[in-house]
Amino acid sequence: MSDTSPSAEITFDDFLKLDIRVGTVTRVEPFAEARKPSLKLWIDFGAEIGEKKSVAQITAHYTAGELTGRQVAAVVNFPPRQIGPVMSEVLTLGFPDEHGEVVLLAPDLKIPNGGRLF
């Protein structure tokens, strides 16, 4: 299956297994040790989930300064993943542009941190 072909059909119960939440980026640092240019993000998902760290290859369209305070969407119920010396706790979501570079998925209005996608 390629990145552009449709995935196999799933049930609504399968969709409900994904916990996709909105959070606000509170801090951003370059991830100098990464093989591909990446940033380390700290994202506040509200009182229930708290602040989680994510590593994202988003440097083509975003700088650390413009990401702080921005809301993003992320999968919060995948197991943490070790990426070099950093433990990435959530998967920040985006879509590829015409060159395959990530464009972040985010609400177009400010909403409370921790809101779940439905």
Protein backbone atom coordinates (compact mmCIF):
# COMPACT_ATOMS: atom_id res chain seq x y z
CA MET A 1 0.00 0.00 0.00
CA SER A 2 1.37 3.45 -0.88
CA ASP A 3 0.85 6.59 1.18
CA THR A 4 -1.75 7.82 -1.30
CA SER A 5 -3.88 4.70 -1.69
CA PRO A 6 -6.96 4.25 0.49
CA SER A 7 -6.59 2.09 3.60
CA ALA A 8 -8.63 -1.02 4.24
CA GLU A 9 -12.13 -0.39 5.57
CA ILE A 10 -12.43 -0.30 9.37
CA THR A 11 -15.36 -0.28 11.76
CA PHE A 12 -16.48 2.69 13.85
CA ASP A 13 -15.23 0.79 16.91
CA ASP A 14 -11.76 0.68 15.28
CA PHE A 15 -11.88 4.48 14.86
CA LEU A 16 -12.86 4.92 18.52
CA LYS A 17 -9.67 3.13 19.56
CA LEU A 18 -7.67 6.15 18.33
CA ASP A 19 -7.54 8.90 20.94
CA ILE A 20 -6.87 12.07 18.95
CA ARG A 21 -6.76 15.23 21.07
CA VAL A 22 -5.99 18.90 20.64
CA GLY A 23 -3.25 20.55 22.65
CA THR A 24 -1.25 23.76 22.77
CA VAL A 25 2.47 23.79 22.03
CA THR A 26 4.17 25.21 25.13
CA ARG A 27 7.83 24.82 24.17
CA VAL A 28 9.86 23.92 21.07
CA GLU A 29 13.52 22.99 20.68
CA PRO A 30 15.58 21.90 17.68
CA PHE A 31 16.33 18.18 17.66
CA ALA A 32 19.96 18.40 16.58
CA GLU A 33 20.63 14.66 17.04
CA ALA A 34 17.93 13.64 14.52
CA ARG A 35 18.93 12.19 11.14
CA LYS A 36 16.33 14.38 9.39
CA PRO A 37 15.64 17.97 10.48
CA SER A 38 13.16 17.77 13.35
CA LEU A 39 11.77 19.67 16.30
CA LYS A 40 10.98 18.59 19.85
CA LEU A 41 7.54 19.81 20.93
CA TRP A 42 6.03 19.96 24.40
CA ILE A 43 2.25 19.97 24.06
CA ASP A 44 -0.27 20.74 26.83
CA PHE A 45 -3.34 18.49 26.53
CA GLY A 46 -5.08 19.86 29.62
CA ALA A 47 -5.48 18.57 33.17
CA GLU A 48 -6.58 15.01 32.30
CA ILE A 49 -3.62 14.15 30.04
CA GLY A 50 -1.06 16.83 30.93
CA GLU A 51 1.98 17.90 28.94
CA LYS A 52 3.48 15.39 26.50
CA LYS A 53 6.56 15.46 24.27
CA SER A 54 6.57 14.83 20.53
CA VAL A 55 9.28 14.74 17.87
CA ALA A 56 8.16 16.00 14.47
CA GLN A 57 9.79 16.46 11.07
CA ILE A 58 8.07 19.78 10.41
CA THR A 59 10.96 22.18 9.79
CA ALA A 60 10.05 22.84 6.14
CA HIS A 61 7.02 24.95 7.12
CA TYR A 62 7.45 25.77 10.81
CA THR A 63 9.97 27.41 13.12
CA ALA A 64 10.18 27.05 16.89
CA GLY A 65 9.04 30.63 17.42
CA GLU A 66 5.85 30.35 15.41
CA LEU A 67 4.81 27.00 16.94
CA THR A 68 4.76 28.11 20.58
CA GLY A 69 1.14 28.84 21.51
CA ARG A 70 -0.26 27.07 18.46
CA GLN A 71 -2.84 24.31 18.83
CA VAL A 72 -2.15 20.96 17.15
CA ALA A 73 -3.81 17.56 16.94
CA ALA A 74 -2.07 14.40 18.11
CA VAL A 75 -2.71 10.72 18.80
CA VAL A 76 -2.23 10.41 22.56
CA ASN A 77 -2.76 6.68 23.07
CA PHE A 78 0.10 5.16 21.07
CA PRO A 79 2.90 3.73 23.21
CA PRO A 80 5.87 6.10 23.62
CA ARG A 81 8.54 5.71 20.94
CA GLN A 82 12.26 6.20 21.41
CA ILE A 83 13.65 8.49 18.69
CA GLY A 84 17.38 8.77 19.27
CA PRO A 85 17.88 10.13 22.78
CA VAL A 86 14.29 11.44 23.02
CA MET A 87 11.13 9.59 24.07
CA SER A 88 8.27 10.79 21.85
CA GLU A 89 5.02 10.35 23.80
CA VAL A 90 2.42 11.42 21.21
CA LEU A 91 2.14 11.45 17.41
CA THR A 92 1.56 14.99 16.13
CA LEU A 93 -0.67 14.84 13.05
CA GLY A 94 -0.33 16.48 9.66
CA PHE A 95 -0.84 16.06 5.94
CA PRO A 96 1.81 16.06 3.18
CA ASP A 97 2.03 19.07 0.91
CA GLU A 98 2.83 18.70 -2.81
CA HIS A 99 6.49 18.02 -1.89
CA GLY A 100 5.75 15.54 0.91
CA GLU A 101 6.51 18.05 3.69
CA VAL A 102 4.24 18.03 6.75
CA VAL A 103 1.45 20.58 7.16
CA LEU A 104 0.09 20.33 10.71
CA LEU A 105 -3.51 19.41 11.45
CA ALA A 106 -5.10 21.96 13.79
CA PRO A 107 -8.51 23.41 14.63
CA ASP A 108 -9.37 26.69 12.92
CA LEU A 109 -10.80 28.10 16.17
CA LYS A 110 -9.20 27.98 19.64
CA ILE A 111 -10.73 25.18 21.70
CA PRO A 112 -10.01 23.80 25.18
CA ASN A 113 -6.87 21.66 25.42
CA GLY A 114 -7.63 17.96 25.61
CA GLY A 115 -10.69 18.08 23.35
CA ARG A 116 -11.14 14.73 21.62
CA LEU A 117 -11.72 14.32 17.88
CA PHE A 118 -15.08 12.84 17.00
